[in-house]
Amino acid sequence: MSKKATLLLSILCLIIYSSGAIASDLPYKPGELIVRFASKPDGKQRTLTERNELLASIDGGNVKHSYKLVSGLTVIKLPTNVTVKNALAAFKNIQGILYAEPNYKLKLLSTFPK
């Protein structure tokens, strides 16, 4: 994914998160969440192993992809028996996770000029 697309995805997540409601009428990819992990108490980012350990402790799947542009932003692949709605409820109050949102499907209607 390009840096511009990643930035757009991050902005969309922040807009949806700040609205205080889940946009249930928007299409999203089943079995995946966009999760932003909090930094550790020392200010360092959690490693891939640490992120997967936190997810394993709540049966929350595993890391599919991490983005460098936004620290802690990660795509999570959920276990097959966990729905997006159930995972969102489970991730809501987990220490070490700043927010979790469905992996909304985006449709770009135009391009950025070069």
PDB file of N, CA and C in Angstrom:
ATOM      1  N   MET A   1       0.847  -1.170   0.000  1.00  0.00           N
ATOM      2  CA  MET A   1       0.000   0.000   0.000  1.00  0.00           C
ATOM      3  C   MET A   1       0.897   1.239   0.000  1.00  0.00           C
ATOM      4  N   SER A   2       0.564   2.235  -0.791  1.00  0.00           N
ATOM      5  CA  SER A   2       1.381   3.434  -0.877  1.00  0.00           C
ATOM      6  C   SER A   2       1.248   4.289   0.378  1.00  0.00           C
ATOM      7  N   LYS A   3       2.179   5.197   0.552  1.00  0.00           N
ATOM      8  CA  LYS A   3       2.144   6.083   1.717  1.00  0.00           C
ATOM      9  C   LYS A   3       0.886   6.961   1.695  1.00  0.00           C
ATOM     10  N   LYS A   4       0.476   7.395   0.519  1.00  0.00           N
ATOM     11  CA  LYS A   4      -0.724   8.235   0.419  1.00  0.00           C
ATOM     12  C   LYS A   4      -1.962   7.453   0.827  1.00  0.00           C
ATOM     13  N   ALA A   5      -2.064   6.211   0.377  1.00  0.00           N
ATOM     14  CA  ALA A   5      -3.212   5.379   0.741  1.00  0.00           C
ATOM     15  C   ALA A   5      -3.211   5.077   2.234  1.00  0.00           C
ATOM     16  N   THR A   6      -2.029   4.839   2.790  1.00  0.00           N
ATOM     17  CA  THR A   6      -1.912   4.585   4.224  1.00  0.00           C
ATOM     18  C   THR A   6      -2.336   5.811   5.013  1.00  0.00           C
ATOM     19  N   LEU A   7      -1.918   6.974   4.570  1.00  0.00           N
ATOM     20  CA  LEU A   7      -2.301   8.209   5.236  1.00  0.00           C
ATOM     21  C   LEU A   7      -3.811   8.402   5.174  1.00  0.00           C
ATOM     22  N   LEU A   8      -4.404   8.151   4.026  1.00  0.00           N
ATOM     23  CA  LEU A   8      -5.860   8.263   3.895  1.00  0.00           C
ATOM     24  C   LEU A   8      -6.569   7.289   4.827  1.00  0.00           C
ATOM     25  N   LEU A   9      -6.061   6.074   4.920  1.00  0.00           N
ATOM     26  CA  LEU A   9      -6.634   5.075   5.807  1.00  0.00           C
ATOM     27  C   LEU A   9      -6.552   5.531   7.259  1.00  0.00           C
ATOM     28  N   SER A  10      -5.425   6.079   7.642  1.00  0.00           N
ATOM     29  CA  SER A  10      -5.236   6.558   9.012  1.00  0.00           C
ATOM     30  C   SER A  10      -6.183   7.713   9.318  1.00  0.00           C
ATOM     31  N   ILE A  11      -6.323   8.624   8.388  1.00  0.00           N
ATOM     32  CA  ILE A  11      -7.236   9.753   8.584  1.00  0.00           C
ATOM     33  C   ILE A  11      -8.666   9.264   8.708  1.00  0.00           C
ATOM     34  N   LEU A  12      -9.059   8.314   7.882  1.00  0.00           N
ATOM     35  CA  LEU A  12     -10.403   7.752   7.960  1.00  0.00           C
ATOM     36  C   LEU A  12     -10.635   7.110   9.318  1.00  0.00           C
ATOM     37  N   CYS A  13      -9.676   6.347   9.798  1.00  0.00           N
ATOM     38  CA  CYS A  13      -9.805   5.718  11.123  1.00  0.00           C
ATOM     39  C   CYS A  13      -9.978   6.767  12.208  1.00  0.00           C
ATOM     40  N   LEU A  14      -9.200   7.829  12.131  1.00  0.00           N
ATOM     41  CA  LEU A  14      -9.294   8.869  13.149  1.00  0.00           C
ATOM     42  C   LEU A  14     -10.628   9.590  13.092  1.00  0.00           C
ATOM     43  N   ILE A  15     -11.137   9.841  11.905  1.00  0.00           N
ATOM     44  CA  ILE A  15     -12.434  10.500  11.762  1.00  0.00           C
ATOM     45  C   ILE A  15     -13.536   9.629  12.328  1.00  0.00           C
ATOM     46  N   ILE A  16     -13.514   8.370  11.982  1.00  0.00           N
ATOM     47  CA  ILE A  16     -14.546   7.449  12.474  1.00  0.00           C
ATOM     48  C   ILE A  16     -14.424   7.283  13.978  1.00  0.00           C
ATOM     49  N   TYR A  17     -13.202   7.159  14.475  1.00  0.00           N
ATOM     50  CA  TYR A  17     -12.983   6.987  15.910  1.00  0.00           C
ATOM     51  C   TYR A  17     -13.448   8.224  16.677  1.00  0.00           C
ATOM     52  N   SER A  18     -13.157   9.399  16.145  1.00  0.00           N
ATOM     53  CA  SER A  18     -13.516  10.626  16.852  1.00  0.00           C
ATOM     54  C   SER A  18     -15.015  10.896  16.799  1.00  0.00           C
ATOM     55  N   SER A  19     -15.726  10.271  15.878  1.00  0.00           N
ATOM     56  CA  SER A  19     -17.174  10.495  15.799  1.00  0.00           C
ATOM     57  C   SER A  19     -17.905   9.813  16.945  1.00  0.00           C
ATOM     58  N   GLY A  20     -17.254   8.865  17.620  1.00  0.00           N
ATOM     59  CA  GLY A  20     -17.868   8.192  18.768  1.00  0.00           C
ATOM     60  C   GLY A  20     -18.833   7.090  18.379  1.00  0.00           C
ATOM     61  N   ALA A  21     -18.994   6.824  17.114  1.00  0.00           N
ATOM     62  CA  ALA A  21     -19.915   5.770  16.684  1.00  0.00           C
ATOM     63  C   ALA A  21     -19.280   4.973  15.563  1.00  0.00           C
ATOM     64  N   ILE A  22     -19.663   3.745  15.472  1.00  0.00           N
ATOM     65  CA  ILE A  22     -19.182   2.898  14.391  1.00  0.00           C
ATOM     66  C   ILE A  22     -20.098   3.103  13.195  1.00  0.00           C
ATOM     67  N   ALA A  23     -19.502   3.312  12.066  1.00  0.00           N
ATOM     68  CA  ALA A  23     -20.277   3.517  10.852  1.00  0.00           C
ATOM     69  C   ALA A  23     -20.719   2.150  10.338  1.00  0.00           C
ATOM     70  N   SER A  24     -21.786   1.631  10.916  1.00  0.00           N
ATOM     71  CA  SER A  24     -22.206   0.267  10.623  1.00  0.00           C
ATOM     72  C   SER A  24     -22.703   0.073   9.198  1.00  0.00           C
ATOM     73  N   ASP A  25     -23.037   1.148   8.519  1.00  0.00           N
ATOM     74  CA  ASP A  25     -23.529   1.013   7.161  1.00  0.00           C
ATOM     75  C   ASP A  25     -22.398   1.013   6.129  1.00  0.00           C
ATOM     76  N   LEU A  26     -21.169   1.238   6.556  1.00  0.00           N
ATOM     77  CA  LEU A  26     -20.043   1.203   5.638  1.00  0.00           C
ATOM     78  C   LEU A  26     -19.523  -0.222   5.503  1.00  0.00           C
ATOM     79  N   PRO A  27     -19.161  -0.624   4.285  1.00  0.00           N
ATOM     80  CA  PRO A  27     -18.629  -1.986   4.113  1.00  0.00           C
ATOM     81  C   PRO A  27     -17.225  -2.115   4.693  1.00  0.00           C
ATOM     82  N   TYR A  28     -16.958  -3.263   5.296  1.00  0.00           N
ATOM     83  CA  TYR A  28     -15.644  -3.529   5.858  1.00  0.00           C
ATOM     84  C   TYR A  28     -15.269  -4.968   5.565  1.00  0.00           C
ATOM     85  N   LYS A  29     -13.976  -5.246   5.692  1.00  0.00           N
ATOM     86  CA  LYS A  29     -13.463  -6.575   5.398  1.00  0.00           C
ATOM     87  C   LYS A  29     -13.720  -7.497   6.585  1.00  0.00           C
ATOM     88  N   PRO A  30     -14.494  -8.557   6.395  1.00  0.00           N
ATOM     89  CA  PRO A  30     -14.750  -9.494   7.498  1.00  0.00           C
ATOM     90  C   PRO A  30     -13.450 -10.148   7.963  1.00  0.00           C
ATOM     91  N   GLY A  31     -13.345 -10.344   9.271  1.00  0.00           N
ATOM     92  CA  GLY A  31     -12.189 -11.051   9.807  1.00  0.00           C
ATOM     93  C   GLY A  31     -10.954 -10.206  10.020  1.00  0.00           C
ATOM     94  N   GLU A  32     -11.090  -8.880   9.867  1.00  0.00           N
ATOM     95  CA  GLU A  32      -9.938  -8.006  10.061  1.00  0.00           C
ATOM     96  C   GLU A  32     -10.328  -6.755  10.842  1.00  0.00           C
ATOM     97  N   LEU A  33      -9.371  -6.250  11.594  1.00  0.00           N
ATOM     98  CA  LEU A  33      -9.515  -4.977  12.289  1.00  0.00           C
ATOM     99  C   LEU A  33      -8.281  -4.127  12.032  1.00  0.00           C
ATOM    100  N   ILE A  34      -8.466  -2.821  12.119  1.00  0.00           N
ATOM    101  CA  ILE A  34      -7.352  -1.892  12.174  1.00  0.00           C
ATOM    102  C   ILE A  34      -7.196  -1.556  13.655  1.00  0.00           C
ATOM    103  N   VAL A  35      -6.031  -1.836  14.213  1.00  0.00           N
ATOM    104  CA  VAL A  35      -5.781  -1.636  15.639  1.00  0.00           C
ATOM    105  C   VAL A  35      -4.551  -0.754  15.786  1.00  0.00           C
ATOM    106  N   ARG A  36      -4.647   0.195  16.715  1.00  0.00           N
ATOM    107  CA  ARG A  36      -3.461   0.998  17.030  1.00  0.00           C
ATOM    108  C   ARG A  36      -3.031   0.651  18.440  1.00  0.00           C
ATOM    109  N   PHE A  37      -1.825   0.112  18.536  1.00  0.00           N
ATOM    110  CA  PHE A  37      -1.253  -0.265  19.816  1.00  0.00           C
ATOM    111  C   PHE A  37      -0.610   0.949  20.473  1.00  0.00           C
ATOM    112  N   ALA A  38      -0.754   1.047  21.779  1.00  0.00           N
ATOM    113  CA  ALA A  38      -0.112   2.114  22.544  1.00  0.00           C
ATOM    114  C   ALA A  38       1.374   1.806  22.694  1.00  0.00           C
ATOM    115  N   SER A  39       2.143   2.848  22.911  1.00  0.00           N
ATOM    116  CA  SER A  39       3.560   2.667  23.216  1.00  0.00           C
ATOM    117  C   SER A  39       3.694   2.033  24.593  1.00  0.00           C
ATOM    118  N   LYS A  40       4.833   1.432  24.835  1.00  0.00           N
ATOM    119  CA  LYS A  40       5.130   0.879  26.157  1.00  0.00           C
ATOM    120  C   LYS A  40       5.374   2.040  27.123  1.00  0.00           C
ATOM    121  N   PRO A  41       5.356   1.774  28.423  1.00  0.00           N
ATOM    122  CA  PRO A  41       5.572   2.848  29.406  1.00  0.00           C
ATOM    123  C   PRO A  41       6.873   3.635  29.200  1.00  0.00           C
ATOM    124  N   ASP A  42       7.893   2.984  28.620  1.00  0.00           N
ATOM    125  CA  ASP A  42       9.156   3.687  28.380  1.00  0.00           C
ATOM    126  C   ASP A  42       9.134   4.529  27.103  1.00  0.00           C
ATOM    127  N   GLY A  43       7.982   4.534  26.406  1.00  0.00           N
ATOM    128  CA  GLY A  43       7.832   5.338  25.196  1.00  0.00           C
ATOM    129  C   GLY A  43       8.173   4.620  23.909  1.00  0.00           C
ATOM    130  N   LYS A  44       8.754   3.435  24.000  1.00  0.00           N
ATOM    131  CA  LYS A  44       9.105   2.671  22.802  1.00  0.00           C
ATOM    132  C   LYS A  44       7.875   1.946  22.268  1.00  0.00           C
ATOM    133  N   GLN A  45       7.888   1.704  20.967  1.00  0.00           N
ATOM    134  CA  GLN A  45       6.790   0.970  20.342  1.00  0.00           C
ATOM    135  C   GLN A  45       6.904  -0.515  20.658  1.00  0.00           C
ATOM    136  N   ARG A  46       5.769  -1.174  20.692  1.00  0.00           N
ATOM    137  CA  ARG A  46       5.754  -2.619  20.918  1.00  0.00           C
ATOM    138  C   ARG A  46       6.282  -3.328  19.670  1.00  0.00           C
ATOM    139  N   THR A  47       7.055  -4.367  19.896  1.00  0.00           N
ATOM    140  CA  THR A  47       7.579  -5.153  18.782  1.00  0.00           C
ATOM    141  C   THR A  47       6.460  -6.032  18.220  1.00  0.00           C
ATOM    142  N   LEU A  48       6.716  -6.645  17.080  1.00  0.00           N
ATOM    143  CA  LEU A  48       5.752  -7.565  16.486  1.00  0.00           C
ATOM    144  C   LEU A  48       5.436  -8.698  17.454  1.00  0.00           C
ATOM    145  N   THR A  49       6.444  -9.229  18.103  1.00  0.00           N
ATOM    146  CA  THR A  49       6.254 -10.311  19.075  1.00  0.00           C
ATOM    147  C   THR A  49       5.378  -9.847  20.228  1.00  0.00           C
ATOM    148  N   GLU A  50       5.626  -8.652  20.741  1.00  0.00           N
ATOM    149  CA  GLU A  50       4.824  -8.118  21.853  1.00  0.00           C
ATOM    150  C   GLU A  50       3.377  -7.877  21.440  1.00  0.00           C
ATOM    151  N   ARG A  51       3.174  -7.415  20.224  1.00  0.00           N
ATOM    152  CA  ARG A  51       1.804  -7.201  19.728  1.00  0.00           C
ATOM    153  C   ARG A  51       1.069  -8.535  19.621  1.00  0.00           C
ATOM    154  N   ASN A  52       1.743  -9.534  19.062  1.00  0.00           N
ATOM    155  CA  ASN A  52       1.110 -10.847  18.932  1.00  0.00           C
ATOM    156  C   ASN A  52       0.849 -11.486  20.299  1.00  0.00           C
ATOM    157  N   GLU A  53       1.736 -11.267  21.269  1.00  0.00           N
ATOM    158  CA  GLU A  53       1.519 -11.795  22.618  1.00  0.00           C
ATOM    159  C   GLU A  53       0.293 -11.150  23.260  1.00  0.00           C
ATOM    160  N   LEU A  54       0.138  -9.839  23.093  1.00  0.00           N
ATOM    161  CA  LEU A  54      -1.033  -9.154  23.628  1.00  0.00           C
ATOM    162  C   LEU A  54      -2.305  -9.688  22.981  1.00  0.00           C
ATOM    163  N   LEU A  55      -2.273  -9.880  21.671  1.00  0.00           N
ATOM    164  CA  LEU A  55      -3.432 -10.427  20.964  1.00  0.00           C
ATOM    165  C   LEU A  55      -3.737 -11.849  21.426  1.00  0.00           C
ATOM    166  N   ALA A  56      -2.718 -12.663  21.606  1.00  0.00           N
ATOM    167  CA  ALA A  56      -2.916 -14.047  22.048  1.00  0.00           C
ATOM    168  C   ALA A  56      -3.546 -14.094  23.430  1.00  0.00           C
ATOM    169  N   SER A  57      -3.212 -13.136  24.281  1.00  0.00           N
ATOM    170  CA  SER A  57      -3.754 -13.126  25.646  1.00  0.00           C
ATOM    171  C   SER A  57      -5.263 -12.881  25.673  1.00  0.00           C
ATOM    172  N   ILE A  58      -5.804 -12.324  24.605  1.00  0.00           N
ATOM    173  CA  ILE A  58      -7.256 -12.070  24.538  1.00  0.00           C
ATOM    174  C   ILE A  58      -7.912 -12.851  23.402  1.00  0.00           C
ATOM    175  N   ASP A  59      -7.201 -13.821  22.853  1.00  0.00           N
ATOM    176  CA  ASP A  59      -7.678 -14.596  21.700  1.00  0.00           C
ATOM    177  C   ASP A  59      -8.132 -13.655  20.582  1.00  0.00           C
ATOM    178  N   GLY A  60      -7.253 -12.688  20.286  1.00  0.00           N
ATOM    179  CA  GLY A  60      -7.593 -11.644  19.329  1.00  0.00           C
ATOM    180  C   GLY A  60      -6.963 -11.785  17.969  1.00  0.00           C
ATOM    181  N   GLY A  61      -6.459 -12.944  17.637  1.00  0.00           N
ATOM    182  CA  GLY A  61      -5.881 -13.141  16.316  1.00  0.00           C
ATOM    183  C   GLY A  61      -4.407 -12.832  16.288  1.00  0.00           C
ATOM    184  N   ASN A  62      -3.933 -12.384  15.113  1.00  0.00           N
ATOM    185  CA  ASN A  62      -2.516 -12.060  14.979  1.00  0.00           C
ATOM    186  C   ASN A  62      -2.316 -10.913  14.004  1.00  0.00           C
ATOM    187  N   VAL A  63      -1.111 -10.366  14.036  1.00  0.00           N
ATOM    188  CA  VAL A  63      -0.768  -9.228  13.195  1.00  0.00           C
ATOM    189  C   VAL A  63      -0.620  -9.680  11.748  1.00  0.00           C
ATOM    190  N   LYS A  64      -1.329  -9.010  10.878  1.00  0.00           N
ATOM    191  CA  LYS A  64      -1.228  -9.281   9.446  1.00  0.00           C
ATOM    192  C   LYS A  64      -0.246  -8.302   8.797  1.00  0.00           C
ATOM    193  N   HIS A  65      -0.326  -7.029   9.219  1.00  0.00           N
ATOM    194  CA  HIS A  65       0.532  -5.995   8.632  1.00  0.00           C
ATOM    195  C   HIS A  65       0.656  -4.829   9.613  1.00  0.00           C
ATOM    196  N   SER A  66       1.849  -4.257   9.707  1.00  0.00           N
ATOM    197  CA  SER A  66       2.064  -3.057  10.513  1.00  0.00           C
ATOM    198  C   SER A  66       2.495  -1.919   9.597  1.00  0.00           C
ATOM    199  N   TYR A  67       2.011  -0.719   9.913  1.00  0.00           N
ATOM    200  CA  TYR A  67       2.345   0.464   9.128  1.00  0.00           C
ATOM    201  C   TYR A  67       3.415   1.273   9.842  1.00  0.00           C
ATOM    202  N   LYS A  68       4.347   1.809   9.090  1.00  0.00           N
ATOM    203  CA  LYS A  68       5.416   2.622   9.670  1.00  0.00           C
ATOM    204  C   LYS A  68       5.015   4.091   9.753  1.00  0.00           C
ATOM    205  N   LEU A  69       4.109   4.524   8.896  1.00  0.00           N
ATOM    206  CA  LEU A  69       3.731   5.933   8.832  1.00  0.00           C
ATOM    207  C   LEU A  69       3.041   6.400  10.114  1.00  0.00           C
ATOM    208  N   VAL A  70       2.211   5.544  10.706  1.00  0.00           N
ATOM    209  CA  VAL A  70       1.519   5.850  11.955  1.00  0.00           C
ATOM    210  C   VAL A  70       1.978   4.819  12.977  1.00  0.00           C
ATOM    211  N   SER A  71       2.664   5.268  14.007  1.00  0.00           N
ATOM    212  CA  SER A  71       3.223   4.334  14.976  1.00  0.00           C
ATOM    213  C   SER A  71       2.133   3.521  15.659  1.00  0.00           C
ATOM    214  N   GLY A  72       2.338   2.217  15.709  1.00  0.00           N
ATOM    215  CA  GLY A  72       1.406   1.314  16.373  1.00  0.00           C
ATOM    216  C   GLY A  72       0.226   0.874  15.526  1.00  0.00           C
ATOM    217  N   LEU A  73       0.046   1.440  14.332  1.00  0.00           N
ATOM    218  CA  LEU A  73      -1.103   1.091  13.484  1.00  0.00           C
ATOM    219  C   LEU A  73      -0.864  -0.258  12.818  1.00  0.00           C
ATOM    220  N   THR A  74      -1.825  -1.166  12.984  1.00  0.00           N
ATOM    221  CA  THR A  74      -1.645  -2.557  12.583  1.00  0.00           C
ATOM    222  C   THR A  74      -2.952  -3.134  12.052  1.00  0.00           C
ATOM    223  N   VAL A  75      -2.850  -3.975  11.039  1.00  0.00           N
ATOM    224  CA  VAL A  75      -3.999  -4.753  10.577  1.00  0.00           C
ATOM    225  C   VAL A  75      -3.948  -6.094  11.304  1.00  0.00           C
ATOM    226  N   ILE A  76      -5.065  -6.461  11.907  1.00  0.00           N
ATOM    227  CA  ILE A  76      -5.166  -7.703  12.675  1.00  0.00           C
ATOM    228  C   ILE A  76      -6.054  -8.690  11.926  1.00  0.00           C
ATOM    229  N   LYS A  77      -5.580  -9.909  11.802  1.00  0.00           N
ATOM    230  CA  LYS A  77      -6.387 -11.004  11.254  1.00  0.00           C
ATOM    231  C   LYS A  77      -7.026 -11.709  12.446  1.00  0.00           C
ATOM    232  N   LEU A  78      -8.353 -11.682  12.498  1.00  0.00           N
ATOM    233  CA  LEU A  78      -9.087 -12.284  13.617  1.00  0.00           C
ATOM    234  C   LEU A  78      -9.184 -13.799  13.465  1.00  0.00           C
ATOM    235  N   PRO A  79      -9.330 -14.513  14.580  1.00  0.00           N
ATOM    236  CA  PRO A  79      -9.589 -15.952  14.489  1.00  0.00           C
ATOM    237  C   PRO A  79     -10.902 -16.185  13.727  1.00  0.00           C
ATOM    238  N   THR A  80     -11.033 -17.332  13.097  1.00  0.00           N
ATOM    239  CA  THR A  80     -12.213 -17.606  12.264  1.00  0.00           C
ATOM    240  C   THR A  80     -13.519 -17.602  13.054  1.00  0.00           C
ATOM    241  N   ASN A  81     -13.459 -17.870  14.346  1.00  0.00           N
ATOM    242  CA  ASN A  81     -14.686 -17.925  15.144  1.00  0.00           C
ATOM    243  C   ASN A  81     -15.046 -16.586  15.789  1.00  0.00           C
ATOM    244  N   VAL A  82     -14.312 -15.510  15.471  1.00  0.00           N
ATOM    245  CA  VAL A  82     -14.549 -14.198  16.068  1.00  0.00           C
ATOM    246  C   VAL A  82     -15.038 -13.230  14.999  1.00  0.00           C
ATOM    247  N   THR A  83     -16.180 -12.585  15.266  1.00  0.00           N
ATOM    248  CA  THR A  83     -16.708 -11.593  14.331  1.00  0.00           C
ATOM    249  C   THR A  83     -16.072 -10.232  14.612  1.00  0.00           C
ATOM    250  N   VAL A  84     -16.174  -9.351  13.653  1.00  0.00           N
ATOM    251  CA  VAL A  84     -15.639  -8.001  13.813  1.00  0.00           C
ATOM    252  C   VAL A  84     -16.340  -7.300  14.980  1.00  0.00           C
ATOM    253  N   LYS A  85     -17.658  -7.407  15.064  1.00  0.00           N
ATOM    254  CA  LYS A  85     -18.398  -6.746  16.145  1.00  0.00           C
ATOM    255  C   LYS A  85     -17.985  -7.277  17.511  1.00  0.00           C
ATOM    256  N   ASN A  86     -17.826  -8.591  17.647  1.00  0.00           N
ATOM    257  CA  ASN A  86     -17.399  -9.162  18.926  1.00  0.00           C
ATOM    258  C   ASN A  86     -15.976  -8.730  19.274  1.00  0.00           C
ATOM    259  N   ALA A  87     -15.115  -8.694  18.283  1.00  0.00           N
ATOM    260  CA  ALA A  87     -13.730  -8.287  18.521  1.00  0.00           C
ATOM    261  C   ALA A  87     -13.670  -6.822  18.954  1.00  0.00           C
ATOM    262  N   LEU A  88     -14.475  -5.963  18.325  1.00  0.00           N
ATOM    263  CA  LEU A  88     -14.483  -4.553  18.705  1.00  0.00           C
ATOM    264  C   LEU A  88     -14.875  -4.386  20.168  1.00  0.00           C
ATOM    265  N   ALA A  89     -15.863  -5.139  20.602  1.00  0.00           N
ATOM    266  CA  ALA A  89     -16.290  -5.075  22.001  1.00  0.00           C
ATOM    267  C   ALA A  89     -15.174  -5.570  22.925  1.00  0.00           C
ATOM    268  N   ALA A  90     -14.481  -6.626  22.518  1.00  0.00           N
ATOM    269  CA  ALA A  90     -13.411  -7.196  23.347  1.00  0.00           C
ATOM    270  C   ALA A  90     -12.194  -6.275  23.419  1.00  0.00           C
ATOM    271  N   PHE A  91     -11.890  -5.573  22.337  1.00  0.00           N
ATOM    272  CA  PHE A  91     -10.700  -4.733  22.268  1.00  0.00           C
ATOM    273  C   PHE A  91     -10.915  -3.376  22.929  1.00  0.00           C
ATOM    274  N   LYS A  92     -12.158  -3.043  23.224  1.00  0.00           N
ATOM    275  CA  LYS A  92     -12.505  -1.705  23.686  1.00  0.00           C
ATOM    276  C   LYS A  92     -11.756  -1.270  24.946  1.00  0.00           C
ATOM    277  N   ASN A  93     -11.609  -2.131  25.910  1.00  0.00           N
ATOM    278  CA  ASN A  93     -11.014  -1.751  27.188  1.00  0.00           C
ATOM    279  C   ASN A  93      -9.713  -2.486  27.496  1.00  0.00           C
ATOM    280  N   ILE A  94      -8.966  -2.850  26.473  1.00  0.00           N
ATOM    281  CA  ILE A  94      -7.707  -3.569  26.664  1.00  0.00           C
ATOM    282  C   ILE A  94      -6.564  -2.568  26.816  1.00  0.00           C
ATOM    283  N   GLN A  95      -5.850  -2.684  27.930  1.00  0.00           N
ATOM    284  CA  GLN A  95      -4.694  -1.819  28.136  1.00  0.00           C
ATOM    285  C   GLN A  95      -3.630  -2.185  27.105  1.00  0.00           C
ATOM    286  N   GLY A  96      -3.098  -1.187  26.459  1.00  0.00           N
ATOM    287  CA  GLY A  96      -2.097  -1.414  25.423  1.00  0.00           C
ATOM    288  C   GLY A  96      -2.658  -1.226  24.023  1.00  0.00           C
ATOM    289  N   ILE A  97      -3.991  -1.044  23.921  1.00  0.00           N
ATOM    290  CA  ILE A  97      -4.619  -0.796  22.626  1.00  0.00           C
ATOM    291  C   ILE A  97      -5.299   0.569  22.693  1.00  0.00           C
ATOM    292  N   LEU A  98      -4.902   1.469  21.802  1.00  0.00           N
ATOM    293  CA  LEU A  98      -5.494   2.809  21.785  1.00  0.00           C
ATOM    294  C   LEU A  98      -6.883   2.796  21.177  1.00  0.00           C
ATOM    295  N   TYR A  99      -7.023   2.109  20.042  1.00  0.00           N
ATOM    296  CA  TYR A  99      -8.336   1.981  19.414  1.00  0.00           C
ATOM    297  C   TYR A  99      -8.338   0.823  18.433  1.00  0.00           C
ATOM    298  N   ALA A 100      -9.530   0.374  18.113  1.00  0.00           N
ATOM    299  CA  ALA A 100      -9.724  -0.682  17.118  1.00  0.00           C
ATOM    300  C   ALA A 100     -10.931  -0.303  16.278  1.00  0.00           C
ATOM    301  N   GLU A 101     -10.834  -0.487  14.987  1.00  0.00           N
ATOM    302  CA  GLU A 101     -11.907  -0.179  14.044  1.00  0.00           C
ATOM    303  C   GLU A 101     -11.974  -1.263  12.985  1.00  0.00           C
ATOM    304  N   PRO A 102     -13.133  -1.434  12.375  1.00  0.00           N
ATOM    305  CA  PRO A 102     -13.202  -2.368  11.242  1.00  0.00           C
ATOM    306  C   PRO A 102     -12.249  -1.914  10.133  1.00  0.00           C
ATOM    307  N   ASN A 103     -11.813  -2.838   9.329  1.00  0.00           N
ATOM    308  CA  ASN A 103     -10.967  -2.516   8.181  1.00  0.00           C
ATOM    309  C   ASN A 103     -11.898  -2.128   7.039  1.00  0.00           C
ATOM    310  N   TYR A 104     -12.316  -0.860   7.059  1.00  0.00           N
ATOM    311  CA  TYR A 104     -13.282  -0.367   6.081  1.00  0.00           C
ATOM    312  C   TYR A 104     -12.733  -0.448   4.673  1.00  0.00           C
ATOM    313  N   LYS A 105     -13.606  -0.792   3.740  1.00  0.00           N
ATOM    314  CA  LYS A 105     -13.236  -0.841   2.331  1.00  0.00           C
ATOM    315  C   LYS A 105     -13.343   0.578   1.783  1.00  0.00           C
ATOM    316  N   LEU A 106     -12.266   1.045   1.200  1.00  0.00           N
ATOM    317  CA  LEU A 106     -12.220   2.393   0.630  1.00  0.00           C
ATOM    318  C   LEU A 106     -12.301   2.325  -0.865  1.00  0.00           C
ATOM    319  N   LYS A 107     -12.958   3.326  -1.424  1.00  0.00           N
ATOM    320  CA  LYS A 107     -13.029   3.429  -2.871  1.00  0.00           C
ATOM    321  C   LYS A 107     -12.540   4.830  -3.228  1.00  0.00           C
ATOM    322  N   LEU A 108     -11.382   4.886  -3.854  1.00  0.00           N
ATOM    323  CA  LEU A 108     -10.839   6.164  -4.264  1.00  0.00           C
ATOM    324  C   LEU A 108     -11.509   6.608  -5.549  1.00  0.00           C
ATOM    325  N   LEU A 109     -12.020   7.823  -5.511  1.00  0.00           N
ATOM    326  CA  LEU A 109     -12.747   8.330  -6.673  1.00  0.00           C
ATOM    327  C   LEU A 109     -11.903   9.253  -7.524  1.00  0.00           C
ATOM    328  N   SER A 110     -10.757   9.627  -7.004  1.00  0.00           N
ATOM    329  CA  SER A 110      -9.853  10.450  -7.788  1.00  0.00           C
ATOM    330  C   SER A 110      -8.430  10.148  -7.339  1.00  0.00           C
ATOM    331  N   THR A 111      -7.494  10.756  -8.021  1.00  0.00           N
ATOM    332  CA  THR A 111      -6.095  10.548  -7.667  1.00  0.00           C
ATOM    333  C   THR A 111      -5.481  11.878  -7.246  1.00  0.00           C
ATOM    334  N   PHE A 112      -4.379  11.801  -6.541  1.00  0.00           N
ATOM    335  CA  PHE A 112      -3.638  12.992  -6.169  1.00  0.00           C
ATOM    336  C   PHE A 112      -2.752  13.403  -7.335  1.00  0.00           C
ATOM    337  N   PRO A 113      -2.590  14.688  -7.515  1.00  0.00           N
ATOM    338  CA  PRO A 113      -1.632  15.100  -8.559  1.00  0.00           C
ATOM    339  C   PRO A 113      -0.212  14.767  -8.127  1.00  0.00           C
ATOM    340  N   LYS A 114       0.631  14.498  -9.076  1.00  0.00           N
ATOM    341  CA  LYS A 114       2.026  14.162  -8.767  1.00  0.00           C
ATOM    342  C   LYS A 114       2.862  15.389  -8.587  1.00  0.00           C
TER     343      LYS A 114
END
